[in-house]
C-alpha cells in the first residue's frame, strides 16, 4: 500500500512483492531471457529487479531492469503506455533514459496476473535497459553538477513539449494527482498526520501562499509536460575524463511515473527542492539549478517570481504525504521518510529567511555562476 495516487485516499496502490524466483520466471516467460543474476532494487510503490543475462558465446553480459508496476497504477494502461513512449522518444533523441525491451510478442509491456497476497492482482511488467552511473544522492553535488542537472531538466521538458505527440499524451492530464503542484491545496486532507502544531502552521501557511500567489497567476506561466520527480535517487551521474567544467555528466534519468501536464516553473522548483535535501549549502542550490535550466529555457519574470513558493509547496507535499503514508504503511517508514530527515529543517529555514532574501541568493548565484563559466 502506498500514497502516490490520484484518488481521494492516496493509500490505495498495491505494491508488488515478488521474490527473485518469480522475477526470473517472468524474464524467461515474457522475454525469453536466461537470467544469471537477479537483485531487488529500492522502489517507492512499484517493484524493480536488476537482471543480468550472459551473451551467447562470450564472457560479456547484458543488463536490464524489470519494472513491475503496482496494482492500482496497472489499471491505467494508457498512462503507463504514455510514460513508456516518452522514454522511447527521449532515448531516440540521445538523452540518457531507459529504453523498453519488447516482449516475445513484440509489445512494450505485458499485464500479468501475479499472486503476492491472498488475492492475485494484475501488474504491468516492463523490461528496461540498465543505465550506468551512481545516484546523485551518493555524490557531493558541486555547482557544475547542479548546473548539469538543471539543464537536463530543461532539455527533458523542452523535448517533450515540442516533440511528444503520441495519442496517449492525454493521460498526462491527471486531475487531482496529489504530486502535481497544482494540487497543493489537497494537502489539507492529509495534514492531520503532522502532529506538531508548529509544523502544521508552516504547512497551512505554504498552502495559503500557493492559493494567493500562484493559483491566480498560473495563466501567466508557460505550460509543458513535467517529469515531476527529478530527485537525487532518480538522477545517475558518471565521472567524465574532461578537465573542463563538467567533472560529472548526467548518465541516467529514471522513474517517469510522476509525469503530468504542468509548467516549466514546476520542474525547476521540484528539482531545486530535491537537490537541497542533502546539500551542505542548500540555499545556493537553487541558483545553480536555475542557471542550468535557464541556459536552455530562460524563465519569465512571472515564472521566477513563482519559484520560492513552489519550492516550499514541494517540500510540503513530500513531508505531509510521507507522514500520512507512514501511518498506513509503517513497514515502509525508512524509505518514505528519506526527505523528512532534513526536509522540515529546510522548509523552516526557507520560511524564516523569506522570499525576497532567498530569491536574491538564487538569482545572484545564477548570475555569478554563468559569468564565471563564460570566463
Protein backbone atom coordinates (compact mmCIF):
# COMPACT_ATOMS: atom_id res chain seq x y z
CA UNK A 1 0.00 0.00 0.00
CA UNK A 2 1.23 3.49 -0.77
CA UNK A 3 0.25 7.06 -1.34
CA UNK A 4 1.18 8.31 -4.77
CA UNK A 5 -2.26 8.01 -6.31
CA UNK A 6 -4.91 10.19 -7.89
CA UNK A 7 -7.79 9.01 -5.71
CA UNK A 8 -9.15 10.78 -2.61
CA UNK A 9 -7.47 8.19 -0.41
CA UNK A 10 -3.86 8.08 -1.54
CA UNK A 11 -3.12 4.82 0.24
CA UNK A 12 -4.62 2.55 -2.36
CA UNK A 13 -1.75 1.33 -4.51
CA UNK A 14 -0.81 -2.29 -4.07
CA UNK A 15 2.94 -2.69 -4.21
CA UNK A 16 4.10 -5.95 -5.79
CA UNK A 17 6.01 -8.36 -3.60
CA UNK A 18 7.68 -10.84 -5.94
CA UNK A 19 10.63 -12.95 -4.92
CA UNK A 20 13.70 -13.44 -7.10
CA UNK A 21 12.49 -16.80 -8.38
CA UNK A 22 9.28 -15.22 -9.68
CA UNK A 23 11.27 -12.44 -11.36
CA UNK A 24 13.49 -15.00 -13.11
CA UNK A 25 10.42 -16.87 -14.31
CA UNK A 26 8.84 -13.68 -15.69
CA UNK A 27 12.05 -12.83 -17.53
CA UNK A 28 12.02 -16.24 -19.19
CA UNK A 29 8.29 -16.33 -19.95
CA UNK A 30 7.90 -12.80 -21.28
CA UNK A 31 11.32 -12.01 -22.73
CA UNK A 32 12.95 -15.43 -23.26
CA UNK A 33 15.90 -14.46 -21.08
CA UNK A 34 18.12 -16.91 -19.20
CA UNK A 35 18.93 -14.90 -16.10
CA UNK A 36 22.34 -15.39 -14.49
CA UNK A 37 21.91 -12.79 -11.75
CA UNK A 38 18.95 -11.02 -10.19
CA UNK A 39 18.76 -8.45 -7.43
CA UNK A 40 15.88 -6.48 -5.94
CA UNK A 41 16.25 -2.68 -6.22
CA UNK A 42 14.83 0.02 -3.92
CA UNK A 43 11.50 1.44 -5.07
CA UNK A 44 8.66 3.60 -3.82
CA UNK A 45 5.46 1.87 -4.85
CA UNK A 46 6.46 -0.42 -7.71
CA UNK A 47 8.97 -3.28 -7.63
CA UNK A 48 12.21 -3.26 -9.61
CA UNK A 49 14.72 -6.05 -10.25
CA UNK A 50 18.21 -5.81 -11.67
CA UNK A 51 18.57 -8.55 -14.28
CA UNK A 52 21.85 -9.83 -15.74
CA UNK A 53 22.00 -12.11 -18.75
CA UNK A 54 25.03 -13.74 -20.38
CA UNK A 55 25.51 -13.01 -24.06
CA UNK A 56 25.74 -16.05 -26.34
CA UNK A 57 29.25 -17.34 -26.94
CA UNK A 58 31.08 -14.71 -24.89
CA UNK A 59 32.00 -13.71 -21.38
CA UNK A 60 30.08 -10.46 -21.74
CA UNK A 61 26.69 -9.88 -20.23
CA UNK A 62 23.67 -7.66 -20.80
CA UNK A 63 21.94 -5.72 -18.02
CA UNK A 64 18.28 -4.81 -17.61
CA UNK A 65 15.77 -3.58 -15.06
CA UNK A 66 12.46 -5.38 -14.79
CA UNK A 67 9.80 -2.98 -13.56
CA UNK A 68 6.60 -4.42 -12.06
CA UNK A 69 4.02 -1.66 -11.60
CA UNK A 70 1.80 -1.60 -8.53
CA UNK A 71 -1.71 -3.00 -8.88
CA UNK A 72 -3.50 0.35 -8.74
CA UNK A 73 -1.42 2.07 -11.43
CA UNK A 74 -1.52 -1.06 -13.58
CA UNK A 75 -5.21 -0.34 -14.17
CA UNK A 76 -4.25 2.77 -16.15
CA UNK A 77 -2.71 1.20 -19.24
CA UNK A 78 -2.82 4.43 -21.26
CA UNK A 79 -0.77 6.31 -18.67
CA UNK A 80 1.90 3.59 -18.48
CA UNK A 81 1.95 3.47 -22.26
CA UNK A 82 2.47 7.24 -22.41
CA UNK A 83 5.32 7.07 -19.87
CA UNK A 84 6.97 4.28 -21.85
CA UNK A 85 6.69 6.09 -25.19
CA UNK A 86 8.22 9.15 -23.51
CA UNK A 87 11.27 7.09 -22.55
CA UNK A 88 11.49 5.80 -26.12
CA UNK A 89 11.35 9.32 -27.56
CA UNK A 90 13.93 10.73 -25.17
CA UNK A 91 16.23 7.77 -25.81
CA UNK A 92 15.88 8.34 -29.56
CA UNK A 93 16.77 12.00 -29.02
CA UNK A 94 20.01 10.95 -27.34
CA UNK A 95 19.03 11.51 -23.72
CA UNK A 96 20.16 9.02 -21.05
CA UNK A 97 16.82 7.35 -20.36
CA UNK A 98 15.92 3.66 -20.12
CA UNK A 99 14.67 2.08 -23.32
CA UNK A 100 11.99 -0.64 -23.23
CA UNK A 101 12.75 -4.12 -24.48
CA UNK A 102 9.92 -5.74 -26.43
CA UNK A 103 8.26 -8.89 -25.14
CA UNK A 104 8.23 -12.17 -27.02
CA UNK A 105 5.03 -10.93 -28.67
CA UNK A 106 6.58 -7.56 -29.67
CA UNK A 107 4.80 -5.48 -27.03
CA UNK A 108 6.32 -2.75 -24.87
CA UNK A 109 4.64 -4.16 -21.74
CA UNK A 110 2.54 -7.05 -20.53
CA UNK A 111 -0.27 -7.19 -17.97
CA UNK A 112 0.32 -10.24 -15.78
CA UNK A 113 -1.72 -11.83 -13.01
CA UNK A 114 0.67 -12.29 -10.11
CA UNK A 115 -0.05 -13.85 -6.74
CA UNK A 116 1.53 -11.74 -4.00
CA UNK A 117 -1.06 -11.99 -1.28
CA UNK A 118 -4.35 -13.70 -0.56
CA UNK A 119 -5.82 -12.31 -3.80
CA UNK A 120 -3.80 -12.38 -7.05
CA UNK A 121 -3.54 -8.99 -8.74
CA UNK A 122 -2.74 -7.75 -12.21
CA UNK A 123 0.56 -5.93 -12.62
CA UNK A 124 2.08 -4.31 -15.67
CA UNK A 125 5.54 -5.72 -16.41
CA UNK A 126 8.21 -3.95 -18.47
CA UNK A 127 11.86 -4.69 -19.17
CA UNK A 128 14.08 -1.63 -19.49
CA UNK A 129 17.70 -1.21 -20.44
CA UNK A 130 20.00 -0.71 -17.45
CA UNK A 131 21.78 2.63 -17.17
CA UNK A 132 25.28 3.05 -15.70
CA UNK A 133 26.12 5.59 -13.06
CA UNK A 134 25.87 6.48 -9.39
CA UNK A 135 22.76 8.08 -7.86
CA UNK A 136 23.27 11.80 -7.32
CA UNK A 137 22.33 11.19 -3.66
CA UNK A 138 25.71 9.46 -3.17
CA UNK A 139 27.85 12.22 -4.68
CA UNK A 140 28.56 15.65 -3.23
CA UNK A 141 26.78 18.00 -5.61
CA UNK A 142 29.16 20.67 -6.90
CA UNK A 143 27.90 23.79 -8.68
CA UNK A 144 28.78 22.16 -12.02
CA UNK A 145 26.79 19.03 -11.20
CA UNK A 146 23.78 21.12 -10.16
CA UNK A 147 24.07 23.18 -13.35
CA UNK A 148 24.07 19.99 -15.44
CA UNK A 149 21.05 18.64 -13.58
CA UNK A 150 19.17 21.91 -14.09
CA UNK A 151 19.98 21.90 -17.78
CA UNK A 152 18.89 18.27 -18.13
CA UNK A 153 15.53 19.17 -16.55
CA UNK A 154 15.09 21.86 -19.21
CA UNK A 155 16.11 19.51 -22.02
CA UNK A 156 13.53 16.94 -20.92
CA UNK A 157 10.66 19.42 -20.64
CA UNK A 158 11.53 21.20 -23.88
CA UNK A 159 11.92 17.96 -25.84
CA UNK A 160 8.62 16.53 -24.61
CA UNK A 161 6.68 19.74 -25.11
CA UNK A 162 7.91 20.16 -28.67
CA UNK A 163 8.17 16.56 -29.88
CA UNK A 164 5.94 14.21 -27.88
CA UNK A 165 2.74 13.88 -29.89
CA UNK A 166 1.67 10.31 -29.16
CA UNK A 167 -2.08 9.80 -28.79
CA UNK A 168 -1.55 8.65 -25.19
CA UNK A 169 -0.29 12.08 -24.06
CA UNK A 170 -3.81 13.00 -22.90
CA UNK A 171 -3.11 10.65 -19.99
CA UNK A 172 -0.87 13.34 -18.51
CA UNK A 173 -3.98 15.33 -17.58
CA UNK A 174 -4.09 13.61 -14.21
CA UNK A 175 -6.80 15.56 -12.40
CA UNK A 176 -6.33 15.56 -8.64
CA UNK A 177 -2.98 13.79 -8.71
CA UNK A 178 -1.55 14.65 -5.31
CA UNK A 179 2.03 15.12 -6.60
CA UNK A 180 1.16 17.74 -9.20
CA UNK A 181 2.00 21.12 -7.67
CA UNK A 182 -1.31 22.49 -8.98
CA UNK A 183 -2.99 20.33 -6.35
CA UNK A 184 -1.13 21.71 -3.33
CA UNK A 185 -4.42 22.67 -1.57
CA UNK A 186 -5.37 18.96 -1.47
CA UNK A 187 -2.76 18.55 1.27
CA UNK A 188 -5.35 19.78 3.74
CA UNK A 189 -6.90 16.29 3.58
CA UNK A 190 -3.73 14.75 4.99
CA UNK A 191 -2.15 17.42 7.19
CA UNK A 192 -3.69 15.85 10.31
CA UNK A 193 -0.88 13.30 10.07
CA UNK A 194 1.52 16.06 11.14
CA UNK A 195 1.10 16.10 14.92
CA UNK A 196 3.27 19.12 15.78
CA UNK A 197 1.21 22.31 15.78
CA UNK A 198 4.12 24.49 14.68
CA UNK A 199 4.82 22.29 11.66
CA UNK A 200 1.13 22.20 10.73
CA UNK A 201 1.11 26.00 10.82
CA UNK A 202 4.03 26.11 8.37
CA UNK A 203 2.20 23.73 6.01
CA UNK A 204 -1.02 25.74 6.22
CA UNK A 205 0.93 28.92 5.52
CA UNK A 206 2.52 27.31 2.49
CA UNK A 207 -0.87 26.22 1.15
CA UNK A 208 -2.25 29.73 1.63
CA UNK A 209 0.76 31.20 -0.18
CA UNK A 210 0.01 28.90 -3.10
CA UNK A 211 -3.62 29.96 -3.16
CA UNK A 212 -2.80 33.68 -3.09
CA UNK A 213 0.46 33.90 -5.05
CA UNK A 214 0.38 31.00 -7.52
CA UNK A 215 -3.17 29.87 -8.27
CA UNK A 216 -4.40 33.24 -9.60
CA UNK A 217 -1.26 33.60 -11.74
CA UNK A 218 -1.00 30.13 -13.32
CA UNK A 219 -2.31 31.68 -16.54
CA UNK A 220 0.95 33.63 -16.77
CA UNK A 221 3.16 30.52 -16.54
CA UNK A 222 4.13 28.55 -19.63
CA UNK A 223 2.76 25.03 -19.79
CA UNK A 224 4.80 21.92 -20.54
CA UNK A 225 4.99 18.21 -19.75
CA UNK A 226 6.82 17.61 -16.46
CA UNK A 227 8.94 14.65 -15.45
CA UNK A 228 7.83 15.65 -11.97
CA UNK A 229 10.26 13.66 -9.83
CA UNK A 230 13.85 14.67 -10.56
CA UNK A 231 15.14 13.73 -7.15
CA UNK A 232 18.68 12.70 -6.31
CA UNK A 233 17.79 9.00 -6.46
CA UNK A 234 16.32 9.29 -9.96
CA UNK A 235 19.37 11.02 -11.41
CA UNK A 236 22.50 9.00 -12.20
CA UNK A 237 25.93 10.59 -12.58
CA UNK A 238 29.09 9.32 -14.25
CA UNK A 239 32.56 10.81 -13.98
CA UNK A 240 34.00 12.27 -17.17
CA UNK A 241 37.60 12.44 -18.30
CA UNK A 242 37.29 16.13 -19.11
CA UNK A 243 39.25 18.65 -17.08
CA UNK A 244 36.80 21.37 -18.02
CA UNK A 245 33.64 22.36 -16.14
CA UNK A 246 31.83 19.01 -16.27
CA UNK A 247 33.63 16.64 -13.91
CA UNK A 248 30.41 14.58 -13.85
CA UNK A 249 27.78 14.12 -16.50
CA UNK A 250 24.18 13.05 -16.10
CA UNK A 251 24.23 9.41 -17.23
CA UNK A 252 20.68 8.43 -16.38
CA UNK A 253 17.19 9.77 -15.73
CA UNK A 254 14.91 7.27 -14.02
CA UNK A 255 11.29 6.84 -12.90
CA UNK A 256 8.78 8.52 -15.18
CA UNK A 257 5.83 7.51 -13.01
CA UNK A 258 5.02 11.04 -11.78
CA UNK A 259 4.76 12.63 -15.21
CA UNK A 260 1.90 15.06 -15.72
CA UNK A 261 1.00 18.23 -17.55
CA UNK A 262 2.38 21.18 -15.67
CA UNK A 263 4.61 24.20 -16.10
CA UNK A 264 8.30 24.90 -16.66
CA UNK A 265 8.42 26.64 -13.28
CA UNK A 266 7.11 23.47 -11.61
CA UNK A 267 10.03 21.40 -12.92
CA UNK A 268 12.60 23.95 -11.79
CA UNK A 269 11.06 24.16 -8.31
CA UNK A 270 10.82 20.37 -7.90
CA UNK A 271 14.43 19.93 -8.96
CA UNK A 272 15.64 22.68 -6.61
CA UNK A 273 13.75 21.18 -3.69
CA UNK A 274 15.14 17.67 -4.13
CA UNK A 275 18.70 18.86 -4.69
CA UNK A 276 18.50 20.86 -1.44
CA UNK A 277 17.79 17.76 0.64
CA UNK A 278 21.34 16.51 1.15
CA UNK A 279 23.21 19.71 0.29
CA UNK A 280 25.68 21.32 2.69
CA UNK A 281 24.80 24.69 1.15
CA UNK A 282 21.07 24.34 0.46
CA UNK A 283 20.16 27.98 -0.12
CA UNK A 284 22.61 28.32 -3.02
CA UNK A 285 21.41 25.14 -4.75
CA UNK A 286 18.55 27.00 -6.42
CA UNK A 287 20.93 29.39 -8.15
CA UNK A 288 22.93 26.62 -9.83
CA UNK A 289 19.83 24.66 -10.86
CA UNK A 290 18.30 27.86 -12.22
CA UNK A 291 21.45 28.70 -14.17
CA UNK A 292 21.39 25.28 -15.81
CA UNK A 293 17.71 25.39 -16.65
CA UNK A 294 17.86 28.93 -18.00
CA UNK A 295 20.86 28.08 -20.20
CA UNK A 296 18.22 26.42 -22.40
CA UNK A 297 14.86 27.80 -21.25
CA UNK A 298 15.09 31.31 -19.73
CA UNK A 299 12.25 31.91 -17.29
CA UNK A 300 9.94 34.90 -17.46
CA UNK A 301 9.64 37.40 -14.61
CA UNK A 302 6.38 35.72 -13.50
CA UNK A 303 7.98 32.27 -13.55
CA UNK A 304 10.96 33.41 -11.49
CA UNK A 305 8.61 35.09 -9.05
CA UNK A 306 6.77 31.78 -8.50
CA UNK A 307 9.81 29.65 -7.65
CA UNK A 308 10.14 30.32 -3.91
CA UNK A 309 6.52 29.45 -3.19
CA UNK A 310 6.62 26.39 -5.46
CA UNK A 311 9.77 25.03 -3.78
CA UNK A 312 8.04 25.39 -0.41
CA UNK A 313 4.96 23.64 -1.82
CA UNK A 314 7.01 20.66 -2.96
CA UNK A 315 8.58 20.37 0.47
CA UNK A 316 5.07 20.48 1.95
CA UNK A 317 3.82 17.76 -0.41
CA UNK A 318 6.71 15.45 0.33
CA UNK A 319 6.67 15.96 4.09
CA UNK A 320 2.92 15.72 4.61
CA UNK A 321 2.39 12.70 2.36
CA UNK A 322 5.34 10.93 3.98
CA UNK A 323 3.82 11.41 7.44
CA UNK A 324 0.41 10.27 6.20
CA UNK A 325 1.85 7.23 4.43
CA UNK A 326 3.79 6.08 7.48
CA UNK A 327 0.54 5.98 9.45
CA UNK A 328 -0.78 3.41 6.97
CA UNK A 329 2.48 1.75 5.89
CA UNK A 330 4.78 1.70 8.94
CA UNK A 331 6.78 -1.17 7.42
CA UNK A 332 7.98 1.21 4.67
CA UNK A 333 8.93 4.04 7.04
CA UNK A 334 12.65 4.08 6.26
CA UNK A 335 12.08 4.68 2.54
CA UNK A 336 9.12 7.02 2.94
CA UNK A 337 10.92 9.31 5.37
CA UNK A 338 14.06 9.95 3.28
CA UNK A 339 13.06 13.55 2.56
CA UNK A 340 11.79 14.14 6.10
CA UNK A 341 15.23 13.58 7.64
CA UNK A 342 16.25 17.09 6.62
CA UNK A 343 13.16 18.37 4.84
CA UNK A 344 11.46 20.01 7.80
CA UNK A 345 14.68 21.87 8.62
CA UNK A 346 14.93 23.17 5.04
CA UNK A 347 11.29 24.24 4.88
CA UNK A 348 11.51 26.05 8.20
CA UNK A 349 14.70 27.78 7.09
CA UNK A 350 13.06 28.94 3.86
CA UNK A 351 10.13 30.33 5.83
CA UNK A 352 12.45 32.05 8.29
CA UNK A 353 14.72 33.55 5.61
CA UNK A 354 11.82 34.76 3.49
CA UNK A 355 11.03 35.00 -0.20
CA UNK A 356 12.95 38.17 -1.01
CA UNK A 357 16.19 37.11 0.65
CA UNK A 358 16.13 33.58 -0.81
CA UNK A 359 15.38 34.89 -4.31
CA UNK A 360 18.33 37.28 -4.06
CA UNK A 361 20.62 34.34 -3.20
CA UNK A 362 19.26 32.27 -6.08
CA UNK A 363 19.33 34.97 -8.73
CA UNK A 364 22.74 36.37 -7.71
CA UNK A 365 24.21 32.86 -7.59
CA UNK A 366 22.87 32.04 -11.06
CA UNK A 367 24.21 35.29 -12.49
CA UNK A 368 27.69 34.95 -10.98
CA UNK A 369 27.96 31.28 -11.94
CA UNK A 370 27.17 31.97 -15.58
CA UNK A 371 29.65 34.86 -15.60
CA UNK A 372 32.41 32.60 -14.21
CA UNK A 373 31.53 29.80 -16.62
CA UNK A 374 31.98 32.10 -19.60
CA UNK A 375 35.35 33.41 -18.43
